[in-house]
Amino acid sequence: MTTFYKLYGYFGVLKKIGLVISAVVALIMMFFITYDVVMRNVFSSSIRGGFEIIQNYMMPLVVFPGLAYVYASGVLPKMELLFAKFSPPVKRILILILIAIEVFILVLVVQFSWMYAMDGMERNTSFPAAGTLYQLWPVFFTIPVAFALIVIENIFLFIKNLIEKDPTFVVEYNPSEEEQIINQAVK
């Protein structure tokens, strides 16, 4: 089980990198919008194509890189209230079935969004902003990557529910005192 949580820890680093990317882009977007509003109201000029750049580049980069982290945190609604009324064995079976259905649907989302991204790359999809064409297709690849990370998260969750007795919708790891001492000694 320690190997499982070690692998999940490495995966957690990927999720945190996505979260940092989302946070940095959100800050850039806030400063960009603030600068544009100040320029428009004080100096009567604005950033040409600013709205399109925010809409097509920044908003997807705020949402999709951090999506796996948000999904793993357990803040998205699940069926916990309904499952609380069932016994642990029934709850476990229902959770495993639900996770399997989610994985199936998310794999389809990954497949079709990947095909869309590849099609956008072949067509060199762009958007006009201030008289210039900006390439849009690289942003398309954030969608299948984000959903692939959610598929991996669900696979970890499925494995955890197969191994452990208590069924859950979140992969949490509470190391024993010995493991905490070892981890502190290694650091």
C-alpha atoms as a PDB file:
ATOM      1  CA  MET A   1       0.000   0.000   0.000  1.00  0.00           C
ATOM      2  CA  THR A   2       2.961   2.298   0.593  1.00  0.00           C
ATOM      3  CA  THR A   3       3.913   2.039  -3.106  1.00  0.00           C
ATOM      4  CA  PHE A   4       0.360   3.020  -4.025  1.00  0.00           C
ATOM      5  CA  TYR A   5       0.554   6.183  -1.932  1.00  0.00           C
ATOM      6  CA  LYS A   6       4.069   6.926  -3.169  1.00  0.00           C
ATOM      7  CA  LEU A   7       2.820   6.786  -6.775  1.00  0.00           C
ATOM      8  CA  TYR A   8      -0.166   8.892  -5.790  1.00  0.00           C
ATOM      9  CA  GLY A   9       2.243  11.402  -4.234  1.00  0.00           C
ATOM     10  CA  TYR A  10       4.101  11.701  -7.546  1.00  0.00           C
ATOM     11  CA  PHE A  11       0.788  12.167  -9.294  1.00  0.00           C
ATOM     12  CA  GLY A  12      -0.049  14.822  -6.704  1.00  0.00           C
ATOM     13  CA  VAL A  13       2.987  16.793  -7.873  1.00  0.00           C
ATOM     14  CA  LEU A  14       1.524  16.866 -11.398  1.00  0.00           C
ATOM     15  CA  LYS A  15      -1.803  18.083 -10.024  1.00  0.00           C
ATOM     16  CA  LYS A  16      -0.091  20.819  -8.014  1.00  0.00           C
ATOM     17  CA  ILE A  17       1.842  21.955 -11.090  1.00  0.00           C
ATOM     18  CA  GLY A  18      -1.502  22.302 -12.889  1.00  0.00           C
ATOM     19  CA  LEU A  19      -2.881  24.236  -9.931  1.00  0.00           C
ATOM     20  CA  VAL A  20       0.089  26.612  -9.994  1.00  0.00           C
ATOM     21  CA  ILE A  21      -0.351  27.160 -13.736  1.00  0.00           C
ATOM     22  CA  SER A  22      -4.033  27.991 -13.181  1.00  0.00           C
ATOM     23  CA  ALA A  23      -3.206  30.360 -10.316  1.00  0.00           C
ATOM     24  CA  VAL A  24      -0.475  32.187 -12.240  1.00  0.00           C
ATOM     25  CA  VAL A  25      -2.703  32.608 -15.296  1.00  0.00           C
ATOM     26  CA  ALA A  26      -5.545  33.858 -13.055  1.00  0.00           C
ATOM     27  CA  LEU A  27      -3.207  36.491 -11.584  1.00  0.00           C
ATOM     28  CA  ILE A  28      -1.998  37.509 -15.045  1.00  0.00           C
ATOM     29  CA  MET A  29      -5.600  37.746 -16.204  1.00  0.00           C
ATOM     30  CA  MET A  30      -6.531  39.937 -13.215  1.00  0.00           C
ATOM     31  CA  PHE A  31      -3.631  42.327 -13.866  1.00  0.00           C
ATOM     32  CA  PHE A  32      -4.382  42.322 -17.596  1.00  0.00           C
ATOM     33  CA  ILE A  33      -8.042  43.235 -17.021  1.00  0.00           C
ATOM     34  CA  THR A  34      -7.153  45.851 -14.390  1.00  0.00           C
ATOM     35  CA  TYR A  35      -4.584  47.428 -16.704  1.00  0.00           C
ATOM     36  CA  ASP A  36      -7.097  47.435 -19.574  1.00  0.00           C
ATOM     37  CA  VAL A  37      -9.817  49.083 -17.436  1.00  0.00           C
ATOM     38  CA  VAL A  38      -7.423  51.745 -16.122  1.00  0.00           C
ATOM     39  CA  MET A  39      -6.131  52.487 -19.615  1.00  0.00           C
ATOM     40  CA  ARG A  40      -9.658  52.697 -21.002  1.00  0.00           C
ATOM     41  CA  ASN A  41     -11.014  54.972 -18.251  1.00  0.00           C
ATOM     42  CA  VAL A  42      -7.982  57.178 -17.616  1.00  0.00           C
ATOM     43  CA  PHE A  43      -6.268  57.397 -20.998  1.00  0.00           C
ATOM     44  CA  SER A  44      -9.203  56.538 -23.319  1.00  0.00           C
ATOM     45  CA  SER A  45      -7.365  53.649 -24.941  1.00  0.00           C
ATOM     46  CA  SER A  46      -7.458  49.951 -24.296  1.00  0.00           C
ATOM     47  CA  ILE A  47      -5.507  46.860 -25.200  1.00  0.00           C
ATOM     48  CA  ARG A  48      -6.508  45.955 -28.730  1.00  0.00           C
ATOM     49  CA  GLY A  49      -7.862  42.415 -28.833  1.00  0.00           C
ATOM     50  CA  GLY A  50      -7.694  42.118 -25.047  1.00  0.00           C
ATOM     51  CA  PHE A  51     -11.128  40.534 -24.719  1.00  0.00           C
ATOM     52  CA  GLU A  52     -10.355  37.852 -27.312  1.00  0.00           C
ATOM     53  CA  ILE A  53      -6.969  37.057 -25.743  1.00  0.00           C
ATOM     54  CA  ILE A  54      -8.577  36.629 -22.312  1.00  0.00           C
ATOM     55  CA  GLN A  55     -11.436  34.562 -23.730  1.00  0.00           C
ATOM     56  CA  ASN A  56      -9.370  32.242 -25.910  1.00  0.00           C
ATOM     57  CA  TYR A  57      -6.073  31.909 -24.026  1.00  0.00           C
ATOM     58  CA  MET A  58      -6.404  32.850 -20.382  1.00  0.00           C
ATOM     59  CA  MET A  59      -9.810  31.479 -19.416  1.00  0.00           C
ATOM     60  CA  PRO A  60      -9.085  27.925 -20.640  1.00  0.00           C
ATOM     61  CA  LEU A  61      -5.668  28.090 -18.945  1.00  0.00           C
ATOM     62  CA  VAL A  62      -7.320  29.117 -15.678  1.00  0.00           C
ATOM     63  CA  VAL A  63      -9.799  26.235 -15.733  1.00  0.00           C
ATOM     64  CA  PHE A  64      -8.223  23.149 -17.287  1.00  0.00           C
ATOM     65  CA  PRO A  65      -4.736  22.815 -15.706  1.00  0.00           C
ATOM     66  CA  GLY A  66      -6.139  22.889 -12.167  1.00  0.00           C
ATOM     67  CA  LEU A  67      -9.152  20.698 -12.874  1.00  0.00           C
ATOM     68  CA  ALA A  68      -7.567  17.434 -11.673  1.00  0.00           C
ATOM     69  CA  TYR A  69      -6.540  19.038  -8.374  1.00  0.00           C
ATOM     70  CA  VAL A  70     -10.047  20.356  -7.787  1.00  0.00           C
ATOM     71  CA  TYR A  71     -11.555  17.001  -8.701  1.00  0.00           C
ATOM     72  CA  ALA A  72      -9.226  15.177  -6.286  1.00  0.00           C
ATOM     73  CA  SER A  73      -9.933  17.566  -3.424  1.00  0.00           C
ATOM     74  CA  GLY A  74     -13.516  16.326  -3.140  1.00  0.00           C
ATOM     75  CA  VAL A  75     -15.224  19.713  -3.442  1.00  0.00           C
ATOM     76  CA  LEU A  76     -17.191  18.680  -6.514  1.00  0.00           C
ATOM     77  CA  PRO A  77     -20.568  17.149  -5.660  1.00  0.00           C
ATOM     78  CA  LYS A  78     -20.756  13.366  -5.447  1.00  0.00           C
ATOM     79  CA  MET A  79     -23.335  10.904  -4.177  1.00  0.00           C
ATOM     80  CA  GLU A  80     -22.131  10.774  -0.550  1.00  0.00           C
ATOM     81  CA  LEU A  81     -25.460  11.768   0.956  1.00  0.00           C
ATOM     82  CA  LEU A  82     -27.253   8.985  -0.876  1.00  0.00           C
ATOM     83  CA  PHE A  83     -24.569   6.393  -0.158  1.00  0.00           C
ATOM     84  CA  ALA A  84     -24.450   7.193   3.567  1.00  0.00           C
ATOM     85  CA  LYS A  85     -27.647   5.202   4.076  1.00  0.00           C
ATOM     86  CA  PHE A  86     -26.183   1.960   2.689  1.00  0.00           C
ATOM     87  CA  SER A  87     -24.044  -0.622   4.454  1.00  0.00           C
ATOM     88  CA  PRO A  88     -20.282  -0.517   3.707  1.00  0.00           C
ATOM     89  CA  PRO A  89     -20.289  -3.529   1.311  1.00  0.00           C
ATOM     90  CA  VAL A  90     -23.192  -2.118  -0.727  1.00  0.00           C
ATOM     91  CA  LYS A  91     -21.640   1.352  -0.618  1.00  0.00           C
ATOM     92  CA  ARG A  92     -18.343  -0.081  -1.858  1.00  0.00           C
ATOM     93  CA  ILE A  93     -19.997  -1.837  -4.819  1.00  0.00           C
ATOM     94  CA  LEU A  94     -21.983   1.283  -5.752  1.00  0.00           C
ATOM     95  CA  ILE A  95     -18.885   3.489  -5.532  1.00  0.00           C
ATOM     96  CA  LEU A  96     -16.880   1.096  -7.707  1.00  0.00           C
ATOM     97  CA  ILE A  97     -19.685   1.014 -10.295  1.00  0.00           C
ATOM     98  CA  LEU A  98     -19.949   4.809 -10.251  1.00  0.00           C
ATOM     99  CA  ILE A  99     -16.173   5.233 -10.651  1.00  0.00           C
ATOM    100  CA  ALA A 100     -16.142   2.731 -13.521  1.00  0.00           C
ATOM    101  CA  ILE A 101     -18.911   4.690 -15.278  1.00  0.00           C
ATOM    102  CA  GLU A 102     -17.008   7.955 -14.702  1.00  0.00           C
ATOM    103  CA  VAL A 103     -13.808   6.456 -16.130  1.00  0.00           C
ATOM    104  CA  PHE A 104     -15.682   5.223 -19.203  1.00  0.00           C
ATOM    105  CA  ILE A 105     -17.269   8.627 -19.842  1.00  0.00           C
ATOM    106  CA  LEU A 106     -14.051  10.535 -19.137  1.00  0.00           C
ATOM    107  CA  VAL A 107     -12.075   8.289 -21.508  1.00  0.00           C
ATOM    108  CA  LEU A 108     -14.592   9.192 -24.205  1.00  0.00           C
ATOM    109  CA  VAL A 109     -14.122  12.879 -23.375  1.00  0.00           C
ATOM    110  CA  VAL A 110     -10.341  12.455 -23.617  1.00  0.00           C
ATOM    111  CA  GLN A 111     -10.634  10.628 -26.931  1.00  0.00           C
ATOM    112  CA  PHE A 112     -12.969  13.098 -28.592  1.00  0.00           C
ATOM    113  CA  SER A 113     -11.247  16.208 -27.221  1.00  0.00           C
ATOM    114  CA  TRP A 114      -7.906  14.800 -28.420  1.00  0.00           C
ATOM    115  CA  MET A 115      -9.396  14.285 -31.886  1.00  0.00           C
ATOM    116  CA  TYR A 116     -10.732  17.846 -31.790  1.00  0.00           C
ATOM    117  CA  ALA A 117      -7.323  19.192 -30.759  1.00  0.00           C
ATOM    118  CA  MET A 118      -5.586  17.237 -33.526  1.00  0.00           C
ATOM    119  CA  ASP A 119      -8.147  18.498 -36.041  1.00  0.00           C
ATOM    120  CA  GLY A 120      -7.579  22.059 -34.823  1.00  0.00           C
ATOM    121  CA  MET A 121      -3.839  21.605 -35.261  1.00  0.00           C
ATOM    122  CA  GLU A 122      -4.281  20.262 -38.800  1.00  0.00           C
ATOM    123  CA  ARG A 123      -6.542  23.171 -39.721  1.00  0.00           C
ATOM    124  CA  ASN A 124      -4.293  25.637 -37.877  1.00  0.00           C
ATOM    125  CA  THR A 125      -7.285  27.031 -35.982  1.00  0.00           C
ATOM    126  CA  SER A 126      -6.813  30.692 -35.127  1.00  0.00           C
ATOM    127  CA  PHE A 127      -8.844  33.602 -33.844  1.00  0.00           C
ATOM    128  CA  PRO A 128      -8.751  37.255 -34.903  1.00  0.00           C
ATOM    129  CA  ALA A 129      -7.830  39.895 -32.360  1.00  0.00           C
ATOM    130  CA  ALA A 130      -7.005  43.490 -33.267  1.00  0.00           C
ATOM    131  CA  GLY A 131      -6.476  42.628 -36.923  1.00  0.00           C
ATOM    132  CA  THR A 132      -4.051  39.773 -36.203  1.00  0.00           C
ATOM    133  CA  LEU A 133      -4.659  36.035 -36.263  1.00  0.00           C
ATOM    134  CA  TYR A 134      -3.527  34.228 -33.111  1.00  0.00           C
ATOM    135  CA  GLN A 135      -3.188  30.447 -33.083  1.00  0.00           C
ATOM    136  CA  LEU A 136      -5.823  28.805 -30.926  1.00  0.00           C
ATOM    137  CA  TRP A 137      -5.117  25.108 -31.437  1.00  0.00           C
ATOM    138  CA  PRO A 138      -2.386  24.768 -28.748  1.00  0.00           C
ATOM    139  CA  VAL A 139      -4.974  25.611 -26.090  1.00  0.00           C
ATOM    140  CA  PHE A 140      -7.153  22.756 -27.349  1.00  0.00           C
ATOM    141  CA  PHE A 141      -4.626  20.259 -25.973  1.00  0.00           C
ATOM    142  CA  THR A 142      -5.207  21.378 -22.380  1.00  0.00           C
ATOM    143  CA  ILE A 143      -8.657  19.775 -22.474  1.00  0.00           C
ATOM    144  CA  PRO A 144      -7.661  16.137 -23.143  1.00  0.00           C
ATOM    145  CA  VAL A 145      -4.683  16.455 -20.787  1.00  0.00           C
ATOM    146  CA  ALA A 146      -6.913  17.747 -17.978  1.00  0.00           C
ATOM    147  CA  PHE A 147      -9.447  14.984 -18.430  1.00  0.00           C
ATOM    148  CA  ALA A 148      -6.709  12.342 -18.749  1.00  0.00           C
ATOM    149  CA  LEU A 149      -5.447  13.459 -15.333  1.00  0.00           C
ATOM    150  CA  ILE A 150      -8.972  13.042 -13.971  1.00  0.00           C
ATOM    151  CA  VAL A 151      -9.073   9.522 -15.460  1.00  0.00           C
ATOM    152  CA  ILE A 152      -5.804   8.744 -13.648  1.00  0.00           C
ATOM    153  CA  GLU A 153      -7.255  10.162 -10.426  1.00  0.00           C
ATOM    154  CA  ASN A 154     -10.303   7.923 -10.811  1.00  0.00           C
ATOM    155  CA  ILE A 155      -8.088   4.896 -11.425  1.00  0.00           C
ATOM    156  CA  PHE A 156      -6.242   5.629  -8.169  1.00  0.00           C
ATOM    157  CA  LEU A 157      -9.607   6.017  -6.451  1.00  0.00           C
ATOM    158  CA  PHE A 158     -10.863   2.731  -7.919  1.00  0.00           C
ATOM    159  CA  ILE A 159      -7.750   0.885  -6.744  1.00  0.00           C
ATOM    160  CA  LYS A 160      -8.020   2.415  -3.278  1.00  0.00           C
ATOM    161  CA  ASN A 161     -11.639   1.294  -2.988  1.00  0.00           C
ATOM    162  CA  LEU A 162     -10.658  -2.217  -4.062  1.00  0.00           C
ATOM    163  CA  ILE A 163      -7.839  -2.453  -1.503  1.00  0.00           C
ATOM    164  CA  GLU A 164      -9.217  -0.699   1.570  1.00  0.00           C
ATOM    165  CA  LYS A 165     -12.291  -1.562   3.592  1.00  0.00           C
ATOM    166  CA  ASP A 166     -13.822   1.910   3.927  1.00  0.00           C
ATOM    167  CA  PRO A 167     -15.331   3.057   0.602  1.00  0.00           C
ATOM    168  CA  THR A 168     -14.605   6.665  -0.297  1.00  0.00           C
ATOM    169  CA  PHE A 169     -14.687   9.196  -3.118  1.00  0.00           C
ATOM    170  CA  VAL A 170     -11.334  10.772  -2.175  1.00  0.00           C
ATOM    171  CA  VAL A 171      -7.857   9.277  -2.052  1.00  0.00           C
ATOM    172  CA  GLU A 172      -6.525  10.392   1.317  1.00  0.00           C
ATOM    173  CA  TYR A 173      -3.440   9.110   2.985  1.00  0.00           C
ATOM    174  CA  ASN A 174      -2.782   9.412   6.688  1.00  0.00           C
ATOM    175  CA  PRO A 175       0.638   7.901   7.334  1.00  0.00           C
ATOM    176  CA  SER A 176       1.296   6.068  10.569  1.00  0.00           C
ATOM    177  CA  GLU A 177       3.606   7.589  13.173  1.00  0.00           C
ATOM    178  CA  GLU A 178       6.474   5.376  12.026  1.00  0.00           C
ATOM    179  CA  GLU A 179       6.023   6.489   8.405  1.00  0.00           C
ATOM    180  CA  GLN A 180       5.924  10.141   9.493  1.00  0.00           C
ATOM    181  CA  ILE A 181       9.198   9.692  11.421  1.00  0.00           C
ATOM    182  CA  ILE A 182      10.803   7.994   8.406  1.00  0.00           C
ATOM    183  CA  ASN A 183       9.554  10.711   6.057  1.00  0.00           C
ATOM    184  CA  GLN A 184      10.945  13.426   8.320  1.00  0.00           C
ATOM    185  CA  ALA A 185      14.298  11.631   8.603  1.00  0.00           C
ATOM    186  CA  VAL A 186      14.523  11.308   4.808  1.00  0.00           C
ATOM    187  CA  LYS A 187      13.835  15.011   4.309  1.00  0.00           C
END
